[in-house]
Amino acid sequence: MSNIVLVPSLQKKLHKPMYRSHLLLVNKLCNKVKTLGKNALKILDVEDYYLFGELKVMKPPYRLYVVVDQRKDIYYIVDWEHKDNQEKIINSLKDKLALAIEIGLEKVFI
């Protein structure tokens, strides 16, 4: 069974008034990842043993971004963003993933 970790920065973000209504959607997507694993994700990038992927929600048009540590079978839920910010977020998270390979995921996605 896979471990799902909601990074602290995302936890803080989801408790802001603007995102509180999205908690149910994020929870549903986390359950989907828990049951389907990597099959639930659209893979965006692969670095070493790490996968970077997303899950889509059409209404509202948001994306849930996930980094998977394949060695430990841990799914890090790292961001929840509107589709309009998709390119910026993907590029930012790819940079963080490259950094995570050097110093570890736990130290990057805080």
PDB file of N, CA and C in Angstrom:
ATOM      1  N   MET A   1       0.838  -1.178   0.000  1.00  0.00           N
ATOM      2  CA  MET A   1       0.000   0.000   0.000  1.00  0.00           C
ATOM      3  C   MET A   1       0.886   1.245   0.000  1.00  0.00           C
ATOM      4  N   SER A   2       0.499   2.222  -0.771  1.00  0.00           N
ATOM      5  CA  SER A   2       1.277   3.442  -0.938  1.00  0.00           C
ATOM      6  C   SER A   2       1.048   4.416   0.209  1.00  0.00           C
ATOM      7  N   ASN A   3       2.093   5.156   0.518  1.00  0.00           N
ATOM      8  CA  ASN A   3       1.980   6.227   1.509  1.00  0.00           C
ATOM      9  C   ASN A   3       1.740   7.544   0.784  1.00  0.00           C
ATOM     10  N   ILE A   4       0.801   8.323   1.292  1.00  0.00           N
ATOM     11  CA  ILE A   4       0.489   9.635   0.735  1.00  0.00           C
ATOM     12  C   ILE A   4       0.914  10.681   1.760  1.00  0.00           C
ATOM     13  N   VAL A   5       1.711  11.659   1.310  1.00  0.00           N
ATOM     14  CA  VAL A   5       2.174  12.718   2.197  1.00  0.00           C
ATOM     15  C   VAL A   5       1.747  14.059   1.605  1.00  0.00           C
ATOM     16  N   LEU A   6       0.961  14.786   2.348  1.00  0.00           N
ATOM     17  CA  LEU A   6       0.567  16.144   1.965  1.00  0.00           C
ATOM     18  C   LEU A   6       1.622  17.072   2.557  1.00  0.00           C
ATOM     19  N   VAL A   7       2.394  17.734   1.698  1.00  0.00           N
ATOM     20  CA  VAL A   7       3.486  18.570   2.199  1.00  0.00           C
ATOM     21  C   VAL A   7       2.932  19.737   3.018  1.00  0.00           C
ATOM     22  N   PRO A   8       3.667  20.184   4.039  1.00  0.00           N
ATOM     23  CA  PRO A   8       3.179  21.251   4.932  1.00  0.00           C
ATOM     24  C   PRO A   8       2.784  22.545   4.221  1.00  0.00           C
ATOM     25  N   SER A   9       3.518  22.938   3.184  1.00  0.00           N
ATOM     26  CA  SER A   9       3.172  24.179   2.481  1.00  0.00           C
ATOM     27  C   SER A   9       1.806  24.072   1.812  1.00  0.00           C
ATOM     28  N   LEU A  10       1.467  22.903   1.310  1.00  0.00           N
ATOM     29  CA  LEU A  10       0.152  22.701   0.693  1.00  0.00           C
ATOM     30  C   LEU A  10      -0.944  22.641   1.754  1.00  0.00           C
ATOM     31  N   GLN A  11      -0.644  22.068   2.900  1.00  0.00           N
ATOM     32  CA  GLN A  11      -1.625  22.036   3.992  1.00  0.00           C
ATOM     33  C   GLN A  11      -2.017  23.454   4.391  1.00  0.00           C
ATOM     34  N   LYS A  12      -1.015  24.329   4.524  1.00  0.00           N
ATOM     35  CA  LYS A  12      -1.288  25.727   4.881  1.00  0.00           C
ATOM     36  C   LYS A  12      -2.122  26.408   3.798  1.00  0.00           C
ATOM     37  N   LYS A  13      -1.780  26.153   2.549  1.00  0.00           N
ATOM     38  CA  LYS A  13      -2.481  26.766   1.432  1.00  0.00           C
ATOM     39  C   LYS A  13      -3.955  26.349   1.413  1.00  0.00           C
ATOM     40  N   LEU A  14      -4.216  25.064   1.641  1.00  0.00           N
ATOM     41  CA  LEU A  14      -5.585  24.555   1.569  1.00  0.00           C
ATOM     42  C   LEU A  14      -6.457  25.023   2.732  1.00  0.00           C
ATOM     43  N   HIS A  15      -5.851  25.513   3.787  1.00  0.00           N
ATOM     44  CA  HIS A  15      -6.632  26.017   4.912  1.00  0.00           C
ATOM     45  C   HIS A  15      -6.925  27.517   4.805  1.00  0.00           C
ATOM     46  N   LYS A  16      -6.459  28.138   3.728  1.00  0.00           N
ATOM     47  CA  LYS A  16      -6.816  29.530   3.476  1.00  0.00           C
ATOM     48  C   LYS A  16      -8.280  29.559   3.027  1.00  0.00           C
ATOM     49  N   PRO A  17      -8.995  30.624   3.368  1.00  0.00           N
ATOM     50  CA  PRO A  17     -10.425  30.696   3.019  1.00  0.00           C
ATOM     51  C   PRO A  17     -10.730  30.459   1.539  1.00  0.00           C
ATOM     52  N   MET A  18      -9.859  30.909   0.669  1.00  0.00           N
ATOM     53  CA  MET A  18     -10.077  30.759  -0.770  1.00  0.00           C
ATOM     54  C   MET A  18     -10.135  29.294  -1.204  1.00  0.00           C
ATOM     55  N   TYR A  19      -9.388  28.429  -0.525  1.00  0.00           N
ATOM     56  CA  TYR A  19      -9.262  27.026  -0.940  1.00  0.00           C
ATOM     57  C   TYR A  19     -10.049  26.050  -0.080  1.00  0.00           C
ATOM     58  N   ARG A  20     -10.688  26.498   0.973  1.00  0.00           N
ATOM     59  CA  ARG A  20     -11.382  25.571   1.873  1.00  0.00           C
ATOM     60  C   ARG A  20     -12.426  24.728   1.159  1.00  0.00           C
ATOM     61  N   SER A  21     -13.096  25.316   0.196  1.00  0.00           N
ATOM     62  CA  SER A  21     -14.116  24.564  -0.537  1.00  0.00           C
ATOM     63  C   SER A  21     -13.504  23.479  -1.424  1.00  0.00           C
ATOM     64  N   HIS A  22     -12.210  23.544  -1.639  1.00  0.00           N
ATOM     65  CA  HIS A  22     -11.531  22.567  -2.501  1.00  0.00           C
ATOM     66  C   HIS A  22     -11.018  21.357  -1.721  1.00  0.00           C
ATOM     67  N   LEU A  23     -11.111  21.395  -0.417  1.00  0.00           N
ATOM     68  CA  LEU A  23     -10.580  20.296   0.398  1.00  0.00           C
ATOM     69  C   LEU A  23     -11.190  18.951   0.016  1.00  0.00           C
ATOM     70  N   LEU A  24     -12.476  18.915  -0.265  1.00  0.00           N
ATOM     71  CA  LEU A  24     -13.146  17.669  -0.639  1.00  0.00           C
ATOM     72  C   LEU A  24     -12.592  17.129  -1.957  1.00  0.00           C
ATOM     73  N   LEU A  25     -12.361  18.017  -2.920  1.00  0.00           N
ATOM     74  CA  LEU A  25     -11.782  17.594  -4.198  1.00  0.00           C
ATOM     75  C   LEU A  25     -10.374  17.033  -4.022  1.00  0.00           C
ATOM     76  N   VAL A  26      -9.576  17.719  -3.241  1.00  0.00           N
ATOM     77  CA  VAL A  26      -8.200  17.254  -2.996  1.00  0.00           C
ATOM     78  C   VAL A  26      -8.224  15.895  -2.292  1.00  0.00           C
ATOM     79  N   ASN A  27      -9.127  15.742  -1.349  1.00  0.00           N
ATOM     80  CA  ASN A  27      -9.256  14.470  -0.637  1.00  0.00           C
ATOM     81  C   ASN A  27      -9.650  13.335  -1.592  1.00  0.00           C
ATOM     82  N   LYS A  28     -10.587  13.615  -2.505  1.00  0.00           N
ATOM     83  CA  LYS A  28     -10.994  12.610  -3.495  1.00  0.00           C
ATOM     84  C   LYS A  28      -9.811  12.196  -4.372  1.00  0.00           C
ATOM     85  N   LEU A  29      -9.045  13.188  -4.812  1.00  0.00           N
ATOM     86  CA  LEU A  29      -7.894  12.897  -5.666  1.00  0.00           C
ATOM     87  C   LEU A  29      -6.816  12.122  -4.915  1.00  0.00           C
ATOM     88  N   CYS A  30      -6.623  12.432  -3.645  1.00  0.00           N
ATOM     89  CA  CYS A  30      -5.659  11.689  -2.828  1.00  0.00           C
ATOM     90  C   CYS A  30      -6.099  10.235  -2.686  1.00  0.00           C
ATOM     91  N   ASN A  31      -7.387  10.012  -2.509  1.00  0.00           N
ATOM     92  CA  ASN A  31      -7.906   8.642  -2.437  1.00  0.00           C
ATOM     93  C   ASN A  31      -7.715   7.908  -3.762  1.00  0.00           C
ATOM     94  N   LYS A  32      -7.870   8.628  -4.859  1.00  0.00           N
ATOM     95  CA  LYS A  32      -7.647   8.043  -6.182  1.00  0.00           C
ATOM     96  C   LYS A  32      -6.192   7.608  -6.339  1.00  0.00           C
ATOM     97  N   VAL A  33      -5.276   8.463  -5.887  1.00  0.00           N
ATOM     98  CA  VAL A  33      -3.850   8.126  -5.947  1.00  0.00           C
ATOM     99  C   VAL A  33      -3.563   6.915  -5.058  1.00  0.00           C
ATOM    100  N   LYS A  34      -4.204   6.882  -3.896  1.00  0.00           N
ATOM    101  CA  LYS A  34      -3.989   5.777  -2.955  1.00  0.00           C
ATOM    102  C   LYS A  34      -4.440   4.445  -3.550  1.00  0.00           C
ATOM    103  N   THR A  35      -5.547   4.451  -4.274  1.00  0.00           N
ATOM    104  CA  THR A  35      -6.059   3.196  -4.825  1.00  0.00           C
ATOM    105  C   THR A  35      -5.409   2.820  -6.156  1.00  0.00           C
ATOM    106  N   LEU A  36      -5.192   3.812  -7.036  1.00  0.00           N
ATOM    107  CA  LEU A  36      -4.658   3.512  -8.363  1.00  0.00           C
ATOM    108  C   LEU A  36      -3.147   3.689  -8.494  1.00  0.00           C
ATOM    109  N   GLY A  37      -2.547   4.395  -7.554  1.00  0.00           N
ATOM    110  CA  GLY A  37      -1.105   4.615  -7.604  1.00  0.00           C
ATOM    111  C   GLY A  37      -0.701   5.438  -8.813  1.00  0.00           C
ATOM    112  N   LYS A  38       0.376   5.030  -9.485  1.00  0.00           N
ATOM    113  CA  LYS A  38       0.899   5.775 -10.631  1.00  0.00           C
ATOM    114  C   LYS A  38      -0.075   5.815 -11.801  1.00  0.00           C
ATOM    115  N   ASN A  39      -0.979   4.846 -11.875  1.00  0.00           N
ATOM    116  CA  ASN A  39      -1.958   4.819 -12.963  1.00  0.00           C
ATOM    117  C   ASN A  39      -2.924   6.001 -12.905  1.00  0.00           C
ATOM    118  N   ALA A  40      -3.043   6.643 -11.773  1.00  0.00           N
ATOM    119  CA  ALA A  40      -3.939   7.793 -11.627  1.00  0.00           C
ATOM    120  C   ALA A  40      -3.313   9.070 -12.178  1.00  0.00           C
ATOM    121  N   LEU A  41      -2.005   9.060 -12.376  1.00  0.00           N
ATOM    122  CA  LEU A  41      -1.278  10.280 -12.736  1.00  0.00           C
ATOM    123  C   LEU A  41      -1.025  10.411 -14.233  1.00  0.00           C
ATOM    124  N   LYS A  42      -0.999  11.653 -14.678  1.00  0.00           N
ATOM    125  CA  LYS A  42      -0.440  11.964 -15.988  1.00  0.00           C
ATOM    126  C   LYS A  42       1.009  12.343 -15.699  1.00  0.00           C
ATOM    127  N   ILE A  43       1.945  11.539 -16.138  1.00  0.00           N
ATOM    128  CA  ILE A  43       3.364  11.763 -15.839  1.00  0.00           C
ATOM    129  C   ILE A  43       3.885  12.935 -16.682  1.00  0.00           C
ATOM    130  N   LEU A  44       4.481  13.919 -15.995  1.00  0.00           N
ATOM    131  CA  LEU A  44       5.011  15.112 -16.653  1.00  0.00           C
ATOM    132  C   LEU A  44       6.532  15.087 -16.781  1.00  0.00           C
ATOM    133  N   ASP A  45       7.205  14.409 -15.844  1.00  0.00           N
ATOM    134  CA  ASP A  45       8.665  14.400 -15.849  1.00  0.00           C
ATOM    135  C   ASP A  45       9.160  13.220 -15.022  1.00  0.00           C
ATOM    136  N   VAL A  46      10.352  12.736 -15.370  1.00  0.00           N
ATOM    137  CA  VAL A  46      10.991  11.655 -14.624  1.00  0.00           C
ATOM    138  C   VAL A  46      12.429  12.075 -14.356  1.00  0.00           C
ATOM    139  N   GLU A  47      12.822  12.028 -13.099  1.00  0.00           N
ATOM    140  CA  GLU A  47      14.189  12.348 -12.692  1.00  0.00           C
ATOM    141  C   GLU A  47      14.662  11.246 -11.761  1.00  0.00           C
ATOM    142  N   ASP A  48      15.654  10.499 -12.185  1.00  0.00           N
ATOM    143  CA  ASP A  48      16.210   9.434 -11.363  1.00  0.00           C
ATOM    144  C   ASP A  48      15.084   8.479 -10.928  1.00  0.00           C
ATOM    145  N   TYR A  49      14.850   8.330  -9.640  1.00  0.00           N
ATOM    146  CA  TYR A  49      13.790   7.454  -9.144  1.00  0.00           C
ATOM    147  C   TYR A  49      12.496   8.217  -8.844  1.00  0.00           C
ATOM    148  N   TYR A  50      12.423   9.453  -9.247  1.00  0.00           N
ATOM    149  CA  TYR A  50      11.265  10.276  -8.937  1.00  0.00           C
ATOM    150  C   TYR A  50      10.409  10.520 -10.172  1.00  0.00           C
ATOM    151  N   LEU A  51       9.113  10.466  -9.985  1.00  0.00           N
ATOM    152  CA  LEU A  51       8.159  10.824 -11.028  1.00  0.00           C
ATOM    153  C   LEU A  51       7.461  12.108 -10.612  1.00  0.00           C
ATOM    154  N   PHE A  52       7.136  12.922 -11.575  1.00  0.00           N
ATOM    155  CA  PHE A  52       6.371  14.133 -11.337  1.00  0.00           C
ATOM    156  C   PHE A  52       5.138  14.048 -12.215  1.00  0.00           C
ATOM    157  N   GLY A  53       3.956  14.143 -11.595  1.00  0.00           N
ATOM    158  CA  GLY A  53       2.727  14.007 -12.363  1.00  0.00           C
ATOM    159  C   GLY A  53       1.625  14.899 -11.841  1.00  0.00           C
ATOM    160  N   GLU A  54       0.494  14.849 -12.542  1.00  0.00           N
ATOM    161  CA  GLU A  54      -0.649  15.667 -12.165  1.00  0.00           C
ATOM    162  C   GLU A  54      -1.938  14.877 -12.301  1.00  0.00           C
ATOM    163  N   LEU A  55      -2.938  15.337 -11.584  1.00  0.00           N
ATOM    164  CA  LEU A  55      -4.305  14.864 -11.733  1.00  0.00           C
ATOM    165  C   LEU A  55      -5.145  16.086 -12.056  1.00  0.00           C
ATOM    166  N   LYS A  56      -6.094  15.924 -12.963  1.00  0.00           N
ATOM    167  CA  LYS A  56      -6.896  17.060 -13.419  1.00  0.00           C
ATOM    168  C   LYS A  56      -8.295  17.017 -12.820  1.00  0.00           C
ATOM    169  N   VAL A  57      -8.808  18.204 -12.559  1.00  0.00           N
ATOM    170  CA  VAL A  57     -10.210  18.398 -12.205  1.00  0.00           C
ATOM    171  C   VAL A  57     -10.731  19.419 -13.207  1.00  0.00           C
ATOM    172  N   MET A  58     -11.856  19.122 -13.832  1.00  0.00           N
ATOM    173  CA  MET A  58     -12.388  20.025 -14.859  1.00  0.00           C
ATOM    174  C   MET A  58     -13.194  21.189 -14.266  1.00  0.00           C
ATOM    175  N   LYS A  59     -13.996  20.914 -13.256  1.00  0.00           N
ATOM    176  CA  LYS A  59     -14.802  21.975 -12.639  1.00  0.00           C
ATOM    177  C   LYS A  59     -14.607  21.945 -11.150  1.00  0.00           C
ATOM    178  N   PRO A  60     -13.946  22.878 -10.538  1.00  0.00           N
ATOM    179  CA  PRO A  60     -13.208  23.989 -11.135  1.00  0.00           C
ATOM    180  C   PRO A  60     -11.942  23.481 -11.818  1.00  0.00           C
ATOM    181  N   PRO A  61     -11.412  24.212 -12.792  1.00  0.00           N
ATOM    182  CA  PRO A  61     -10.251  23.728 -13.547  1.00  0.00           C
ATOM    183  C   PRO A  61      -8.945  23.837 -12.749  1.00  0.00           C
ATOM    184  N   TYR A  62      -8.710  22.842 -11.909  1.00  0.00           N
ATOM    185  CA  TYR A  62      -7.506  22.815 -11.075  1.00  0.00           C
ATOM    186  C   TYR A  62      -6.692  21.576 -11.363  1.00  0.00           C
ATOM    187  N   ARG A  63      -5.440  21.625 -10.944  1.00  0.00           N
ATOM    188  CA  ARG A  63      -4.527  20.491 -11.099  1.00  0.00           C
ATOM    189  C   ARG A  63      -3.898  20.184  -9.743  1.00  0.00           C
ATOM    190  N   LEU A  64      -3.801  18.895  -9.436  1.00  0.00           N
ATOM    191  CA  LEU A  64      -3.119  18.436  -8.232  1.00  0.00           C
ATOM    192  C   LEU A  64      -1.786  17.858  -8.683  1.00  0.00           C
ATOM    193  N   TYR A  65      -0.689  18.376  -8.138  1.00  0.00           N
ATOM    194  CA  TYR A  65       0.641  17.946  -8.555  1.00  0.00           C
ATOM    195  C   TYR A  65       1.230  17.000  -7.519  1.00  0.00           C
ATOM    196  N   VAL A  66       1.828  15.913  -8.017  1.00  0.00           N
ATOM    197  CA  VAL A  66       2.315  14.838  -7.167  1.00  0.00           C
ATOM    198  C   VAL A  66       3.736  14.478  -7.579  1.00  0.00           C
ATOM    199  N   VAL A  67       4.586  14.266  -6.582  1.00  0.00           N
ATOM    200  CA  VAL A  67       5.930  13.734  -6.816  1.00  0.00           C
ATOM    201  C   VAL A  67       5.982  12.366  -6.155  1.00  0.00           C
ATOM    202  N   VAL A  68       6.455  11.367  -6.907  1.00  0.00           N
ATOM    203  CA  VAL A  68       6.480   9.997  -6.422  1.00  0.00           C
ATOM    204  C   VAL A  68       7.926   9.558  -6.228  1.00  0.00           C
ATOM    205  N   ASP A  69       8.238   9.113  -5.019  1.00  0.00           N
ATOM    206  CA  ASP A  69       9.527   8.487  -4.736  1.00  0.00           C
ATOM    207  C   ASP A  69       9.316   6.995  -4.966  1.00  0.00           C
ATOM    208  N   GLN A  70       9.777   6.490  -6.110  1.00  0.00           N
ATOM    209  CA  GLN A  70       9.514   5.105  -6.489  1.00  0.00           C
ATOM    210  C   GLN A  70      10.254   4.084  -5.624  1.00  0.00           C
ATOM    211  N   ARG A  71      11.377   4.478  -5.055  1.00  0.00           N
ATOM    212  CA  ARG A  71      12.120   3.542  -4.202  1.00  0.00           C
ATOM    213  C   ARG A  71      11.367   3.251  -2.916  1.00  0.00           C
ATOM    214  N   LYS A  72      10.776   4.287  -2.319  1.00  0.00           N
ATOM    215  CA  LYS A  72      10.083   4.127  -1.034  1.00  0.00           C
ATOM    216  C   LYS A  72       8.567   4.006  -1.208  1.00  0.00           C
ATOM    217  N   ASP A  73       8.065   4.159  -2.441  1.00  0.00           N
ATOM    218  CA  ASP A  73       6.647   4.110  -2.748  1.00  0.00           C
ATOM    219  C   ASP A  73       5.871   5.144  -1.916  1.00  0.00           C
ATOM    220  N   ILE A  74       6.377   6.385  -1.946  1.00  0.00           N
ATOM    221  CA  ILE A  74       5.734   7.494  -1.238  1.00  0.00           C
ATOM    222  C   ILE A  74       5.286   8.518  -2.276  1.00  0.00           C
ATOM    223  N   TYR A  75       4.043   8.957  -2.127  1.00  0.00           N
ATOM    224  CA  TYR A  75       3.448   9.957  -3.008  1.00  0.00           C
ATOM    225  C   TYR A  75       3.369  11.271  -2.252  1.00  0.00           C
ATOM    226  N   TYR A  76       4.120  12.261  -2.710  1.00  0.00           N
ATOM    227  CA  TYR A  76       4.111  13.587  -2.090  1.00  0.00           C
ATOM    228  C   TYR A  76       3.149  14.477  -2.869  1.00  0.00           C
ATOM    229  N   ILE A  77       2.078  14.902  -2.215  1.00  0.00           N
ATOM    230  CA  ILE A  77       1.132  15.827  -2.825  1.00  0.00           C
ATOM    231  C   ILE A  77       1.708  17.214  -2.588  1.00  0.00           C
ATOM    232  N   VAL A  78       2.204  17.858  -3.671  1.00  0.00           N
ATOM    233  CA  VAL A  78       3.005  19.068  -3.497  1.00  0.00           C
ATOM    234  C   VAL A  78       2.311  20.373  -3.849  1.00  0.00           C
ATOM    235  N   ASP A  79       1.281  20.339  -4.691  1.00  0.00           N
ATOM    236  CA  ASP A  79       0.628  21.613  -5.027  1.00  0.00           C
ATOM    237  C   ASP A  79      -0.753  21.383  -5.618  1.00  0.00           C
ATOM    238  N   TRP A  80      -1.580  22.405  -5.475  1.00  0.00           N
ATOM    239  CA  TRP A  80      -2.941  22.449  -6.001  1.00  0.00           C
ATOM    240  C   TRP A  80      -3.100  23.825  -6.609  1.00  0.00           C
ATOM    241  N   GLU A  81      -3.209  23.897  -7.927  1.00  0.00           N
ATOM    242  CA  GLU A  81      -3.232  25.202  -8.598  1.00  0.00           C
ATOM    243  C   GLU A  81      -4.261  25.239  -9.708  1.00  0.00           C
ATOM    244  N   HIS A  82      -4.681  26.457 -10.021  1.00  0.00           N
ATOM    245  CA  HIS A  82      -5.596  26.689 -11.128  1.00  0.00           C
ATOM    246  C   HIS A  82      -4.887  26.389 -12.445  1.00  0.00           C
ATOM    247  N   LYS A  83      -5.650  25.934 -13.407  1.00  0.00           N
ATOM    248  CA  LYS A  83      -5.115  25.577 -14.718  1.00  0.00           C
ATOM    249  C   LYS A  83      -4.372  26.743 -15.382  1.00  0.00           C
ATOM    250  N   ASP A  84      -4.819  27.978 -15.134  1.00  0.00           N
ATOM    251  CA  ASP A  84      -4.172  29.144 -15.745  1.00  0.00           C
ATOM    252  C   ASP A  84      -2.708  29.283 -15.336  1.00  0.00           C
ATOM    253  N   ASN A  85      -2.349  28.778 -14.171  1.00  0.00           N
ATOM    254  CA  ASN A  85      -0.973  28.875 -13.668  1.00  0.00           C
ATOM    255  C   ASN A  85      -0.161  27.622 -13.971  1.00  0.00           C
ATOM    256  N   GLN A  86      -0.677  26.752 -14.808  1.00  0.00           N
ATOM    257  CA  GLN A  86      -0.095  25.434 -15.025  1.00  0.00           C
ATOM    258  C   GLN A  86       1.371  25.468 -15.471  1.00  0.00           C
ATOM    259  N   GLU A  87       1.690  26.224 -16.505  1.00  0.00           N
ATOM    260  CA  GLU A  87       3.065  26.239 -17.020  1.00  0.00           C
ATOM    261  C   GLU A  87       4.061  26.732 -15.973  1.00  0.00           C
ATOM    262  N   LYS A  88       3.709  27.803 -15.288  1.00  0.00           N
ATOM    263  CA  LYS A  88       4.587  28.374 -14.261  1.00  0.00           C
ATOM    264  C   LYS A  88       4.833  27.369 -13.139  1.00  0.00           C
ATOM    265  N   ILE A  89       3.778  26.722 -12.685  1.00  0.00           N
ATOM    266  CA  ILE A  89       3.884  25.755 -11.589  1.00  0.00           C
ATOM    267  C   ILE A  89       4.684  24.535 -12.023  1.00  0.00           C
ATOM    268  N   ILE A  90       4.420  24.025 -13.212  1.00  0.00           N
ATOM    269  CA  ILE A  90       5.149  22.841 -13.701  1.00  0.00           C
ATOM    270  C   ILE A  90       6.643  23.138 -13.770  1.00  0.00           C
ATOM    271  N   ASN A  91       7.013  24.281 -14.326  1.00  0.00           N
ATOM    272  CA  ASN A  91       8.438  24.633 -14.414  1.00  0.00           C
ATOM    273  C   ASN A  91       9.062  24.781 -13.031  1.00  0.00           C
ATOM    274  N   SER A  92       8.350  25.415 -12.120  1.00  0.00           N
ATOM    275  CA  SER A  92       8.847  25.587 -10.754  1.00  0.00           C
ATOM    276  C   SER A  92       9.035  24.240 -10.063  1.00  0.00           C
ATOM    277  N   LEU A  93       8.056  23.360 -10.204  1.00  0.00           N
ATOM    278  CA  LEU A  93       8.144  22.052  -9.547  1.00  0.00           C
ATOM    279  C   LEU A  93       9.202  21.152 -10.182  1.00  0.00           C
ATOM    280  N   LYS A  94       9.429  21.293 -11.483  1.00  0.00           N
ATOM    281  CA  LYS A  94      10.509  20.538 -12.132  1.00  0.00           C
ATOM    282  C   LYS A  94      11.864  20.968 -11.568  1.00  0.00           C
ATOM    283  N   ASP A  95      12.029  22.285 -11.354  1.00  0.00           N
ATOM    284  CA  ASP A  95      13.272  22.785 -10.759  1.00  0.00           C
ATOM    285  C   ASP A  95      13.448  22.240  -9.342  1.00  0.00           C
ATOM    286  N   LYS A  96      12.364  22.230  -8.572  1.00  0.00           N
ATOM    287  CA  LYS A  96      12.429  21.705  -7.212  1.00  0.00           C
ATOM    288  C   LYS A  96      12.736  20.217  -7.212  1.00  0.00           C
ATOM    289  N   LEU A  97      12.199  19.498  -8.183  1.00  0.00           N
ATOM    290  CA  LEU A  97      12.464  18.062  -8.274  1.00  0.00           C
ATOM    291  C   LEU A  97      13.936  17.799  -8.558  1.00  0.00           C
ATOM    292  N   ALA A  98      14.520  18.582  -9.444  1.00  0.00           N
ATOM    293  CA  ALA A  98      15.951  18.440  -9.734  1.00  0.00           C
ATOM    294  C   ALA A  98      16.778  18.710  -8.478  1.00  0.00           C
ATOM    295  N   LEU A  99      16.382  19.703  -7.695  1.00  0.00           N
ATOM    296  CA  LEU A  99      17.064  20.012  -6.444  1.00  0.00           C
ATOM    297  C   LEU A  99      16.860  18.890  -5.427  1.00  0.00           C
ATOM    298  N   ALA A 100      15.688  18.302  -5.415  1.00  0.00           N
ATOM    299  CA  ALA A 100      15.372  17.231  -4.461  1.00  0.00           C
ATOM    300  C   ALA A 100      16.262  16.015  -4.658  1.00  0.00           C
ATOM    301  N   ILE A 101      16.672  15.770  -5.874  1.00  0.00           N
ATOM    302  CA  ILE A 101      17.556  14.629  -6.143  1.00  0.00           C
ATOM    303  C   ILE A 101      18.873  14.807  -5.405  1.00  0.00           C
ATOM    304  N   GLU A 102      19.325  16.042  -5.317  1.00  0.00           N
ATOM    305  CA  GLU A 102      20.598  16.319  -4.646  1.00  0.00           C
ATOM    306  C   GLU A 102      20.481  16.287  -3.124  1.00  0.00           C
ATOM    307  N   ILE A 103      19.397  16.885  -2.572  1.00  0.00           N
ATOM    308  CA  ILE A 103      19.348  17.024  -1.112  1.00  0.00           C
ATOM    309  C   ILE A 103      18.197  16.291  -0.435  1.00  0.00           C
ATOM    310  N   GLY A 104      17.308  15.664  -1.213  1.00  0.00           N
ATOM    311  CA  GLY A 104      16.211  14.896  -0.623  1.00  0.00           C
ATOM    312  C   GLY A 104      14.882  15.626  -0.678  1.00  0.00           C
ATOM    313  N   LEU A 105      13.837  14.886  -0.955  1.00  0.00           N
ATOM    314  CA  LEU A 105      12.494  15.463  -1.081  1.00  0.00           C
ATOM    315  C   LEU A 105      12.013  16.133   0.193  1.00  0.00           C
ATOM    316  N   GLU A 106      12.312  15.530   1.333  1.00  0.00           N
ATOM    317  CA  GLU A 106      11.816  16.060   2.601  1.00  0.00           C
ATOM    318  C   GLU A 106      12.311  17.480   2.869  1.00  0.00           C
ATOM    319  N   LYS A 107      13.487  17.805   2.356  1.00  0.00           N
ATOM    320  CA  LYS A 107      14.075  19.127   2.593  1.00  0.00           C
ATOM    321  C   LYS A 107      13.601  20.177   1.583  1.00  0.00           C
ATOM    322  N   VAL A 108      13.099  19.749   0.431  1.00  0.00           N
ATOM    323  CA  VAL A 108      12.698  20.684  -0.614  1.00  0.00           C
ATOM    324  C   VAL A 108      11.239  21.056  -0.500  1.00  0.00           C
ATOM    325  N   PHE A 109      10.374  20.069  -0.345  1.00  0.00           N
ATOM    326  CA  PHE A 109       8.926  20.314  -0.344  1.00  0.00           C
ATOM    327  C   PHE A 109       8.412  20.483   1.083  1.00  0.00           C
ATOM    328  N   ILE A 110       8.746  21.629   1.659  1.00  0.00           N
ATOM    329  CA  ILE A 110       8.327  21.927   3.035  1.00  0.00           C
ATOM    330  C   ILE A 110       7.310  23.034   3.008  1.00  0.00           C
TER     331      ILE A 110
END
